[in-house]
Amino acid sequence: MPKDVVKSLVLKFQRHFILFPRDICLISGAPRSGTTSLIEWLGHQPGVSAFQESRILLSIHRFIEEIHRFKNLNRDSAAIVSLARHLVFDYYSSQRILLGKRLLVDKEPLEPIAFP
């Protein structure tokens, strides 16, 4: 069976059975501060899946901020935040095989986080 077909099947399997890390770590830092080297090193550790600047966590954070701004959405904020969490995990699990990984690490530059 071709390698890309196997990968596609495994990605579908892990999404269907929700088999991906339960913990997420966000690494951020100033430009040229070593965050790229750190994320590359972490990505080679067993049990860790590392992403570089996926932007999904920043996008979801902005979405959740908007939920709290509007009263009609704020009433259902717990349910919406739960949906957002599932969206994040679905995104990551559609990008890479995460079976056997305990920690998911993503790297974002400091500017969008500190100076929105």
C-alpha atoms as a PDB file:
ATOM      1  CA  MET A   1       0.000   0.000   0.000  1.00  0.00           C
ATOM      2  CA  PRO A   2       1.449   3.459  -0.881  1.00  0.00           C
ATOM      3  CA  LYS A   3       2.816   5.523   1.991  1.00  0.00           C
ATOM      4  CA  ASP A   4       0.409   8.471   1.444  1.00  0.00           C
ATOM      5  CA  VAL A   5      -2.606   6.117   1.482  1.00  0.00           C
ATOM      6  CA  VAL A   6      -1.463   4.617   4.785  1.00  0.00           C
ATOM      7  CA  LYS A   7      -0.943   8.096   6.240  1.00  0.00           C
ATOM      8  CA  SER A   8      -4.422   9.164   5.123  1.00  0.00           C
ATOM      9  CA  LEU A   9      -5.980   6.087   6.748  1.00  0.00           C
ATOM     10  CA  VAL A  10      -4.087   6.632  10.017  1.00  0.00           C
ATOM     11  CA  LEU A  11      -5.114  10.327  10.101  1.00  0.00           C
ATOM     12  CA  LYS A  12      -8.775   9.343   9.659  1.00  0.00           C
ATOM     13  CA  PHE A  13      -8.435   6.642  12.317  1.00  0.00           C
ATOM     14  CA  GLN A  14      -6.899   8.960  14.937  1.00  0.00           C
ATOM     15  CA  ARG A  15      -9.525  11.668  14.301  1.00  0.00           C
ATOM     16  CA  HIS A  16     -12.403   9.188  14.500  1.00  0.00           C
ATOM     17  CA  PHE A  17     -11.249   7.653  17.783  1.00  0.00           C
ATOM     18  CA  ILE A  18      -9.851  10.914  19.217  1.00  0.00           C
ATOM     19  CA  LEU A  19      -6.357   9.485  19.643  1.00  0.00           C
ATOM     20  CA  PHE A  20      -4.078  12.462  20.069  1.00  0.00           C
ATOM     21  CA  PRO A  21      -2.186  14.227  22.855  1.00  0.00           C
ATOM     22  CA  ARG A  22      -4.215  15.726  25.675  1.00  0.00           C
ATOM     23  CA  ASP A  23      -1.704  18.496  26.447  1.00  0.00           C
ATOM     24  CA  ILE A  24      -0.648  21.479  24.346  1.00  0.00           C
ATOM     25  CA  CYS A  25       2.317  23.746  24.965  1.00  0.00           C
ATOM     26  CA  LEU A  26       2.752  27.107  23.229  1.00  0.00           C
ATOM     27  CA  ILE A  27       6.277  28.427  22.790  1.00  0.00           C
ATOM     28  CA  SER A  28       6.734  32.065  21.908  1.00  0.00           C
ATOM     29  CA  GLY A  29       9.649  34.438  21.822  1.00  0.00           C
ATOM     30  CA  ALA A  30      11.250  37.404  20.175  1.00  0.00           C
ATOM     31  CA  PRO A  31      12.763  37.007  16.716  1.00  0.00           C
ATOM     32  CA  ARG A  32      16.221  35.418  16.682  1.00  0.00           C
ATOM     33  CA  SER A  33      15.854  34.198  20.278  1.00  0.00           C
ATOM     34  CA  GLY A  34      16.265  30.468  19.590  1.00  0.00           C
ATOM     35  CA  THR A  35      12.621  29.354  19.547  1.00  0.00           C
ATOM     36  CA  THR A  36      13.019  27.655  16.143  1.00  0.00           C
ATOM     37  CA  SER A  37      15.971  25.616  17.406  1.00  0.00           C
ATOM     38  CA  LEU A  38      14.043  24.743  20.559  1.00  0.00           C
ATOM     39  CA  ILE A  39      10.974  23.565  18.651  1.00  0.00           C
ATOM     40  CA  GLU A  40      13.133  21.497  16.275  1.00  0.00           C
ATOM     41  CA  TRP A  41      14.876  19.853  19.245  1.00  0.00           C
ATOM     42  CA  LEU A  42      11.558  19.184  20.990  1.00  0.00           C
ATOM     43  CA  GLY A  43      10.150  17.688  17.800  1.00  0.00           C
ATOM     44  CA  HIS A  44      12.841  15.005  17.894  1.00  0.00           C
ATOM     45  CA  GLN A  45      11.908  13.906  21.429  1.00  0.00           C
ATOM     46  CA  PRO A  46       9.832  10.746  21.820  1.00  0.00           C
ATOM     47  CA  GLY A  47       6.256  11.490  22.777  1.00  0.00           C
ATOM     48  CA  VAL A  48       6.339  15.064  21.434  1.00  0.00           C
ATOM     49  CA  SER A  49       4.810  16.376  18.231  1.00  0.00           C
ATOM     50  CA  ALA A  50       6.034  19.873  17.325  1.00  0.00           C
ATOM     51  CA  PHE A  51       4.488  22.401  14.943  1.00  0.00           C
ATOM     52  CA  GLN A  52       5.902  25.707  13.762  1.00  0.00           C
ATOM     53  CA  GLU A  53       3.611  28.722  13.509  1.00  0.00           C
ATOM     54  CA  SER A  54       0.394  26.904  12.663  1.00  0.00           C
ATOM     55  CA  ARG A  55      -1.597  29.998  13.744  1.00  0.00           C
ATOM     56  CA  ILE A  56      -4.494  27.843  14.990  1.00  0.00           C
ATOM     57  CA  LEU A  57      -3.964  28.765  18.656  1.00  0.00           C
ATOM     58  CA  LEU A  58      -3.843  32.494  17.855  1.00  0.00           C
ATOM     59  CA  SER A  59      -7.000  32.217  15.774  1.00  0.00           C
ATOM     60  CA  ILE A  60      -8.900  30.309  18.439  1.00  0.00           C
ATOM     61  CA  HIS A  61      -7.756  32.776  21.102  1.00  0.00           C
ATOM     62  CA  ARG A  62      -9.186  35.678  19.083  1.00  0.00           C
ATOM     63  CA  PHE A  63     -12.397  33.717  18.568  1.00  0.00           C
ATOM     64  CA  ILE A  64     -12.766  33.113  22.313  1.00  0.00           C
ATOM     65  CA  GLU A  65     -12.120  36.802  23.028  1.00  0.00           C
ATOM     66  CA  GLU A  66     -15.026  37.645  20.718  1.00  0.00           C
ATOM     67  CA  ILE A  67     -17.270  35.191  22.567  1.00  0.00           C
ATOM     68  CA  HIS A  68     -16.716  37.111  25.798  1.00  0.00           C
ATOM     69  CA  ARG A  69     -17.439  40.441  24.103  1.00  0.00           C
ATOM     70  CA  PHE A  70     -21.000  39.546  23.130  1.00  0.00           C
ATOM     71  CA  LYS A  71     -23.598  38.745  25.795  1.00  0.00           C
ATOM     72  CA  ASN A  72     -25.603  36.350  23.642  1.00  0.00           C
ATOM     73  CA  LEU A  73     -22.484  34.255  22.968  1.00  0.00           C
ATOM     74  CA  ASN A  74     -21.123  34.610  26.501  1.00  0.00           C
ATOM     75  CA  ARG A  75     -24.143  32.735  27.886  1.00  0.00           C
ATOM     76  CA  ASP A  76     -23.019  29.637  26.003  1.00  0.00           C
ATOM     77  CA  SER A  77     -19.297  30.235  26.400  1.00  0.00           C
ATOM     78  CA  ALA A  78     -18.545  26.880  28.043  1.00  0.00           C
ATOM     79  CA  ALA A  79     -20.061  24.936  25.141  1.00  0.00           C
ATOM     80  CA  ILE A  80     -18.406  27.181  22.541  1.00  0.00           C
ATOM     81  CA  VAL A  81     -14.996  26.895  24.212  1.00  0.00           C
ATOM     82  CA  SER A  82     -15.392  23.113  24.219  1.00  0.00           C
ATOM     83  CA  LEU A  83     -16.155  23.215  20.493  1.00  0.00           C
ATOM     84  CA  ALA A  84     -13.121  25.443  19.932  1.00  0.00           C
ATOM     85  CA  ARG A  85     -10.916  22.968  21.785  1.00  0.00           C
ATOM     86  CA  HIS A  86     -12.167  20.148  19.571  1.00  0.00           C
ATOM     87  CA  LEU A  87     -11.504  22.299  16.503  1.00  0.00           C
ATOM     88  CA  VAL A  88      -7.894  22.813  17.582  1.00  0.00           C
ATOM     89  CA  PHE A  89      -7.320  19.094  18.145  1.00  0.00           C
ATOM     90  CA  ASP A  90      -9.053  18.257  14.850  1.00  0.00           C
ATOM     91  CA  TYR A  91      -6.748  20.677  13.055  1.00  0.00           C
ATOM     92  CA  TYR A  92      -3.586  19.228  14.568  1.00  0.00           C
ATOM     93  CA  SER A  93      -4.715  15.632  14.047  1.00  0.00           C
ATOM     94  CA  SER A  94      -5.460  16.325  10.387  1.00  0.00           C
ATOM     95  CA  GLN A  95      -1.920  17.642   9.833  1.00  0.00           C
ATOM     96  CA  ARG A  96       0.227  14.892  11.304  1.00  0.00           C
ATOM     97  CA  ILE A  97       0.062  11.427  12.805  1.00  0.00           C
ATOM     98  CA  LEU A  98      -0.077  11.944  16.558  1.00  0.00           C
ATOM     99  CA  LEU A  99      -0.542   8.362  17.756  1.00  0.00           C
ATOM    100  CA  GLY A 100       1.765   7.651  20.677  1.00  0.00           C
ATOM    101  CA  LYS A 101       2.472  11.324  21.341  1.00  0.00           C
ATOM    102  CA  ARG A 102       1.829  12.714  24.824  1.00  0.00           C
ATOM    103  CA  LEU A 103       2.543  16.385  24.173  1.00  0.00           C
ATOM    104  CA  LEU A 104       1.810  18.709  21.301  1.00  0.00           C
ATOM    105  CA  VAL A 105       4.017  21.807  21.048  1.00  0.00           C
ATOM    106  CA  ASP A 106       3.369  24.780  18.774  1.00  0.00           C
ATOM    107  CA  LYS A 107       5.575  27.809  18.208  1.00  0.00           C
ATOM    108  CA  GLU A 108       4.302  31.303  17.472  1.00  0.00           C
ATOM    109  CA  PRO A 109       6.208  34.569  17.147  1.00  0.00           C
ATOM    110  CA  LEU A 110       5.848  36.976  20.050  1.00  0.00           C
ATOM    111  CA  GLU A 111       4.446  39.944  18.105  1.00  0.00           C
ATOM    112  CA  PRO A 112       0.906  38.634  17.419  1.00  0.00           C
ATOM    113  CA  ILE A 113       0.598  37.449  21.013  1.00  0.00           C
ATOM    114  CA  ALA A 114       2.043  40.423  22.866  1.00  0.00           C
ATOM    115  CA  PHE A 115       1.021  43.189  20.458  1.00  0.00           C
ATOM    116  CA  PRO A 116      -2.323  42.219  18.863  1.00  0.00           C
END
